[in-house]
Every structure is written in structure tokens, then in C-alpha cells.
PDB file of N, CA and C in Angstrom:
ATOM      1  N   MET A   1    -154.655  88.460 188.106  1.00  0.00           N
ATOM      2  CA  MET A   1    -155.234  89.243 189.144  1.00  0.00           C
ATOM      3  C   MET A   1    -156.286  88.329 189.603  1.00  0.00           C
ATOM      4  N   PRO A   2    -156.183  87.799 190.962  1.00  0.00           N
ATOM      5  CA  PRO A   2    -157.200  87.023 191.589  1.00  0.00           C
ATOM      6  C   PRO A   2    -158.279  88.118 192.080  1.00  0.00           C
ATOM      7  N   ILE A   3    -159.450  87.516 191.899  1.00  0.00           N
ATOM      8  CA  ILE A   3    -160.791  87.959 192.243  1.00  0.00           C
ATOM      9  C   ILE A   3    -161.544  87.174 193.009  1.00  0.00           C
ATOM     10  N   VAL A   4    -161.838  87.446 194.266  1.00  0.00           N
ATOM     11  CA  VAL A   4    -162.554  86.572 195.150  1.00  0.00           C
ATOM     12  C   VAL A   4    -163.878  87.242 195.526  1.00  0.00           C
ATOM     13  N   GLN A   5    -164.856  86.466 195.656  1.00  0.00           N
ATOM     14  CA  GLN A   5    -166.057  87.059 196.003  1.00  0.00           C
ATOM     15  C   GLN A   5    -166.739  86.207 197.224  1.00  0.00           C
ATOM     16  N   VAL A   6    -166.874  87.023 198.264  1.00  0.00           N
ATOM     17  CA  VAL A   6    -167.232  86.388 199.558  1.00  0.00           C
ATOM     18  C   VAL A   6    -168.897  86.802 199.893  1.00  0.00           C
ATOM     19  N   HIS A   7    -169.700  85.941 200.118  1.00  0.00           N
ATOM     20  CA  HIS A   7    -171.056  85.987 200.435  1.00  0.00           C
ATOM     21  C   HIS A   7    -171.136  85.970 201.940  1.00  0.00           C
ATOM     22  N   LEU A   8    -171.745  86.948 202.653  1.00  0.00           N
ATOM     23  CA  LEU A   8    -171.865  87.071 204.184  1.00  0.00           C
ATOM     24  C   LEU A   8    -173.220  87.587 204.377  1.00  0.00           C
ATOM     25  N   LEU A   9    -173.687  86.889 205.612  1.00  0.00           N
ATOM     26  CA  LEU A   9    -175.151  87.569 206.077  1.00  0.00           C
ATOM     27  C   LEU A   9    -174.668  88.858 206.733  1.00  0.00           C
ATOM     28  N   GLU A  10    -175.553  89.833 206.491  1.00  0.00           N
ATOM     29  CA  GLU A  10    -175.428  91.136 207.095  1.00  0.00           C
ATOM     30  C   GLU A  10    -175.179  91.190 208.571  1.00  0.00           C
ATOM     31  N   GLY A  11    -174.639  92.218 209.115  1.00  0.00           N
ATOM     32  CA  GLY A  11    -174.403  92.303 210.552  1.00  0.00           C
ATOM     33  C   GLY A  11    -173.031  92.476 211.027  1.00  0.00           C
ATOM     34  N   ARG A  12    -172.095  92.234 210.169  1.00  0.00           N
ATOM     35  CA  ARG A  12    -170.678  92.233 210.588  1.00  0.00           C
ATOM     36  C   ARG A  12    -170.142  93.743 210.628  1.00  0.00           C
ATOM     37  N   SER A  13    -169.339  93.965 211.465  1.00  0.00           N
ATOM     38  CA  SER A  13    -168.782  95.510 211.801  1.00  0.00           C
ATOM     39  C   SER A  13    -167.921  95.586 210.528  1.00  0.00           C
ATOM     40  N   SER A  14    -167.474  96.930 210.432  1.00  0.00           N
ATOM     41  CA  SER A  14    -166.378  97.305 209.527  1.00  0.00           C
ATOM     42  C   SER A  14    -165.215  96.877 209.836  1.00  0.00           C
ATOM     43  N   GLU A  15    -165.036  96.930 211.126  1.00  0.00           N
ATOM     44  CA  GLU A  15    -163.651  96.400 211.664  1.00  0.00           C
ATOM     45  C   GLU A  15    -163.546  94.693 211.241  1.00  0.00           C
ATOM     46  N   GLN A  16    -164.617  94.014 211.361  1.00  0.00           N
ATOM     47  CA  GLN A  16    -164.444  92.497 211.095  1.00  0.00           C
ATOM     48  C   GLN A  16    -164.195  92.353 209.656  1.00  0.00           C
ATOM     49  N   LYS A  17    -164.948  93.278 208.810  1.00  0.00           N
ATOM     50  CA  LYS A  17    -164.697  93.041 207.458  1.00  0.00           C
ATOM     51  C   LYS A  17    -163.291  93.624 206.997  1.00  0.00           C
ATOM     52  N   LYS A  18    -162.668  94.638 207.723  1.00  0.00           N
ATOM     53  CA  LYS A  18    -161.340  95.004 207.311  1.00  0.00           C
ATOM     54  C   LYS A  18    -160.331  93.858 207.698  1.00  0.00           C
ATOM     55  N   LYS A  19    -160.727  93.092 208.723  1.00  0.00           N
ATOM     56  CA  LYS A  19    -159.615  92.253 209.240  1.00  0.00           C
ATOM     57  C   LYS A  19    -159.849  90.978 208.139  1.00  0.00           C
ATOM     58  N   LEU A  20    -161.030  90.589 207.798  1.00  0.00           N
ATOM     59  CA  LEU A  20    -161.284  89.566 206.761  1.00  0.00           C
ATOM     60  C   LEU A  20    -160.444  89.768 205.502  1.00  0.00           C
ATOM     61  N   VAL A  21    -160.643  90.877 204.982  1.00  0.00           N
ATOM     62  CA  VAL A  21    -159.925  91.167 203.645  1.00  0.00           C
ATOM     63  C   VAL A  21    -158.537  91.514 203.884  1.00  0.00           C
ATOM     64  N   ALA A  22    -158.032  91.804 204.946  1.00  0.00           N
ATOM     65  CA  ALA A  22    -156.658  91.896 205.018  1.00  0.00           C
ATOM     66  C   ALA A  22    -156.046  90.527 205.290  1.00  0.00           C
ATOM     67  N   GLU A  23    -156.641  89.670 205.970  1.00  0.00           N
ATOM     68  CA  GLU A  23    -156.196  88.286 206.327  1.00  0.00           C
ATOM     69  C   GLU A  23    -156.323  87.394 204.926  1.00  0.00           C
ATOM     70  N   MET A  24    -157.356  87.696 204.181  1.00  0.00           N
ATOM     71  CA  MET A  24    -157.589  86.975 202.993  1.00  0.00           C
ATOM     72  C   MET A  24    -156.553  87.320 201.988  1.00  0.00           C
ATOM     73  N   THR A  25    -156.174  88.641 201.831  1.00  0.00           N
ATOM     74  CA  THR A  25    -155.347  89.188 200.849  1.00  0.00           C
ATOM     75  C   THR A  25    -153.717  88.491 201.174  1.00  0.00           C
ATOM     76  N   ALA A  26    -153.378  88.570 202.486  1.00  0.00           N
ATOM     77  CA  ALA A  26    -152.154  87.889 202.732  1.00  0.00           C
ATOM     78  C   ALA A  26    -152.097  86.461 202.335  1.00  0.00           C
ATOM     79  N   SER A  27    -153.235  85.742 202.615  1.00  0.00           N
ATOM     80  CA  SER A  27    -153.176  84.396 202.232  1.00  0.00           C
ATOM     81  C   SER A  27    -153.125  84.172 200.715  1.00  0.00           C
ATOM     82  N   ILE A  28    -153.883  84.914 200.034  1.00  0.00           N
ATOM     83  CA  ILE A  28    -153.931  84.728 198.591  1.00  0.00           C
ATOM     84  C   ILE A  28    -152.596  85.144 198.136  1.00  0.00           C
ATOM     85  N   CYS A  29    -151.776  86.078 198.568  1.00  0.00           N
ATOM     86  CA  CYS A  29    -150.544  86.578 198.061  1.00  0.00           C
ATOM     87  C   CYS A  29    -149.439  85.499 198.525  1.00  0.00           C
ATOM     88  N   SER A  30    -149.487  84.802 199.532  1.00  0.00           N
ATOM     89  CA  SER A  30    -148.759  83.714 199.996  1.00  0.00           C
ATOM     90  C   SER A  30    -148.909  82.463 199.130  1.00  0.00           C
ATOM     91  N   ALA A  31    -150.195  82.196 198.764  1.00  0.00           N
ATOM     92  CA  ALA A  31    -150.420  80.862 198.040  1.00  0.00           C
ATOM     93  C   ALA A  31    -150.126  81.051 196.601  1.00  0.00           C
ATOM     94  N   LEU A  32    -150.504  82.273 196.078  1.00  0.00           N
ATOM     95  CA  LEU A  32    -150.291  82.432 194.487  1.00  0.00           C
ATOM     96  C   LEU A  32    -149.159  83.325 194.162  1.00  0.00           C
ATOM     97  N   GLY A  33    -148.397  83.953 195.146  1.00  0.00           N
ATOM     98  CA  GLY A  33    -147.149  84.782 194.671  1.00  0.00           C
ATOM     99  C   GLY A  33    -147.549  86.080 193.990  1.00  0.00           C
ATOM    100  N   VAL A  34    -148.649  86.495 194.340  1.00  0.00           N
ATOM    101  CA  VAL A  34    -148.955  87.829 193.819  1.00  0.00           C
ATOM    102  C   VAL A  34    -148.796  88.888 194.839  1.00  0.00           C
ATOM    103  N   LYS A  35    -148.881  90.182 194.401  1.00  0.00           N
ATOM    104  CA  LYS A  35    -148.729  91.304 195.252  1.00  0.00           C
ATOM    105  C   LYS A  35    -150.216  91.731 195.783  1.00  0.00           C
ATOM    106  N   PRO A  36    -150.104  92.312 197.005  1.00  0.00           N
ATOM    107  CA  PRO A  36    -151.512  92.754 197.461  1.00  0.00           C
ATOM    108  C   PRO A  36    -152.273  93.563 196.564  1.00  0.00           C
ATOM    109  N   GLU A  37    -151.556  94.607 195.951  1.00  0.00           N
ATOM    110  CA  GLU A  37    -152.451  95.407 194.921  1.00  0.00           C
ATOM    111  C   GLU A  37    -153.097  94.713 193.734  1.00  0.00           C
ATOM    112  N   GLN A  38    -152.684  93.520 193.608  1.00  0.00           N
ATOM    113  CA  GLN A  38    -153.353  92.694 192.433  1.00  0.00           C
ATOM    114  C   GLN A  38    -154.464  91.891 193.008  1.00  0.00           C
ATOM    115  N   VAL A  39    -154.832  91.954 194.160  1.00  0.00           N
ATOM    116  CA  VAL A  39    -155.888  91.127 194.815  1.00  0.00           C
ATOM    117  C   VAL A  39    -157.253  91.794 194.788  1.00  0.00           C
ATOM    118  N   ARG A  40    -158.217  91.289 194.356  1.00  0.00           N
ATOM    119  CA  ARG A  40    -159.427  92.006 194.395  1.00  0.00           C
ATOM    120  C   ARG A  40    -160.498  91.061 195.341  1.00  0.00           C
ATOM    121  N   ILE A  41    -161.135  91.716 196.147  1.00  0.00           N
ATOM    122  CA  ILE A  41    -162.164  91.014 197.003  1.00  0.00           C
ATOM    123  C   ILE A  41    -163.451  91.734 196.964  1.00  0.00           C
ATOM    124  N   ILE A  42    -164.636  90.982 196.656  1.00  0.00           N
ATOM    125  CA  ILE A  42    -165.953  91.638 196.582  1.00  0.00           C
ATOM    126  C   ILE A  42    -166.659  90.948 197.743  1.00  0.00           C
ATOM    127  N   LEU A  43    -167.210  91.808 198.667  1.00  0.00           N
ATOM    128  CA  LEU A  43    -167.968  91.255 199.863  1.00  0.00           C
ATOM    129  C   LEU A  43    -169.414  91.567 199.476  1.00  0.00           C
ATOM    130  N   SER A  44    -170.299  90.555 199.496  1.00  0.00           N
ATOM    131  CA  SER A  44    -171.611  90.679 199.182  1.00  0.00           C
ATOM    132  C   SER A  44    -172.320  90.387 200.357  1.00  0.00           C
ATOM    133  N   GLU A  45    -173.107  91.356 200.861  1.00  0.00           N
ATOM    134  CA  GLU A  45    -173.889  91.019 202.159  1.00  0.00           C
ATOM    135  C   GLU A  45    -175.273  90.796 201.661  1.00  0.00           C
ATOM    136  N   MET A  46    -175.873  89.686 202.591  1.00  0.00           N
ATOM    137  CA  MET A  46    -177.351  89.283 202.208  1.00  0.00           C
ATOM    138  C   MET A  46    -177.976  89.568 203.510  1.00  0.00           C
ATOM    139  N   ALA A  47    -179.254  89.934 203.453  1.00  0.00           N
ATOM    140  CA  ALA A  47    -180.060  90.066 204.433  1.00  0.00           C
ATOM    141  C   ALA A  47    -180.514  88.628 204.905  1.00  0.00           C
ATOM    142  N   ARG A  48    -180.689  88.539 206.155  1.00  0.00           N
ATOM    143  CA  ARG A  48    -181.092  87.037 206.796  1.00  0.00           C
ATOM    144  C   ARG A  48    -182.334  86.421 206.113  1.00  0.00           C
ATOM    145  N   GLY A  49    -183.137  87.341 205.703  1.00  0.00           N
ATOM    146  CA  GLY A  49    -184.372  86.632 205.133  1.00  0.00           C
ATOM    147  C   GLY A  49    -184.151  86.272 203.749  1.00  0.00           C
ATOM    148  N   ASP A  50    -182.935  86.408 203.052  1.00  0.00           N
ATOM    149  CA  ASP A  50    -182.471  86.271 201.758  1.00  0.00           C
ATOM    150  C   ASP A  50    -181.713  84.948 201.622  1.00  0.00           C
ATOM    151  N   PHE A  51    -181.477  84.221 202.883  1.00  0.00           N
ATOM    152  CA  PHE A  51    -180.691  82.977 202.909  1.00  0.00           C
ATOM    153  C   PHE A  51    -181.271  81.951 203.494  1.00  0.00           C
ATOM    154  N   ALA A  52    -181.189  80.766 203.211  1.00  0.00           N
ATOM    155  CA  ALA A  52    -181.749  79.585 203.805  1.00  0.00           C
ATOM    156  C   ALA A  52    -180.812  78.493 204.031  1.00  0.00           C
ATOM    157  N   VAL A  53    -181.099  77.606 205.211  1.00  0.00           N
ATOM    158  CA  VAL A  53    -180.354  76.341 205.227  1.00  0.00           C
ATOM    159  C   VAL A  53    -181.332  75.321 205.597  1.00  0.00           C
ATOM    160  N   GLY A  54    -181.451  74.245 204.944  1.00  0.00           N
ATOM    161  CA  GLY A  54    -182.284  73.178 205.237  1.00  0.00           C
ATOM    162  C   GLY A  54    -183.749  73.657 205.250  1.00  0.00           C
ATOM    163  N   GLY A  55    -183.926  74.464 204.355  1.00  0.00           N
ATOM    164  CA  GLY A  55    -185.458  74.942 203.993  1.00  0.00           C
ATOM    165  C   GLY A  55    -185.856  75.938 205.264  1.00  0.00           C
ATOM    166  N   VAL A  56    -185.019  76.512 205.868  1.00  0.00           N
ATOM    167  CA  VAL A  56    -185.436  77.436 207.054  1.00  0.00           C
ATOM    168  C   VAL A  56    -184.645  78.631 206.689  1.00  0.00           C
ATOM    169  N   LEU A  57    -185.332  79.896 206.493  1.00  0.00           N
ATOM    170  CA  LEU A  57    -184.761  81.123 206.477  1.00  0.00           C
ATOM    171  C   LEU A  57    -183.870  81.510 207.623  1.00  0.00           C
ATOM    172  N   SER A  58    -182.716  81.997 207.538  1.00  0.00           N
ATOM    173  CA  SER A  58    -181.711  82.487 208.407  1.00  0.00           C
ATOM    174  C   SER A  58    -182.417  83.318 209.433  1.00  0.00           C
ATOM    175  N   SER A  59    -183.303  84.162 208.959  1.00  0.00           N
ATOM    176  CA  SER A  59    -184.026  85.032 209.840  1.00  0.00           C
ATOM    177  C   SER A  59    -185.079  84.523 210.895  1.00  0.00           C
ATOM    178  N   GLU A  60    -185.363  83.184 210.395  1.00  0.00           N
ATOM    179  CA  GLU A  60    -186.312  82.486 211.392  1.00  0.00           C
ATOM    180  C   GLU A  60    -185.554  81.686 212.427  1.00  0.00           C
ATOM    181  N   LYS A  61    -184.288  81.592 212.327  1.00  0.00           N
ATOM    182  CA  LYS A  61    -183.479  80.646 213.283  1.00  0.00           C
ATOM    183  C   LYS A  61    -183.159  81.500 214.425  1.00  0.00           C
ATOM    184  N   ASN A  62    -183.026  80.796 215.623  1.00  0.00           N
ATOM    185  CA  ASN A  62    -182.363  81.453 216.751  1.00  0.00           C
ATOM    186  C   ASN A  62    -180.891  81.604 216.547  1.00  0.00           C
ATOM    187  N   HIS A  63    -180.215  82.725 216.808  1.00  0.00           N
ATOM    188  CA  HIS A  63    -178.939  82.999 216.641  1.00  0.00           C
ATOM    189  C   HIS A  63    -178.157  82.632 217.888  1.00  0.00           C
TER     190      HIS A  63
END
């Protein structure tokens, strides 16, 4: 049973997350030869103030 954890910055719509997990599930099934009901995906959303790149918080960057 594959378990995949994805860390995302907050702000994506439910539709975007639905599409993401559907496409990831299809890819995992194809690559590993498992059934969709065997795939587990955990989406972990982070506040922009809780993530930094190059020493700069994402909340302080221009989007």
C-alpha cells in the first residue's frame, strides 16, 4: 500500500486538490501496478509564514 505525503502552501482550491490526488493516484497505480483503493495520499497544508526559501518567509515574498 503506497502512502504519499505532499506538503503544499495553503490557498489551493478543493478542485485543484481533487485533480492533484486523482492524477497522482493514476500515476502511482501505473508505476507500481497497484489498485487505486490501495493508494493513500496525505495533503499537508502550510501557512505561508511557516515556510521559507533562501532565508525568506514565503509570506514576505511577492507572489
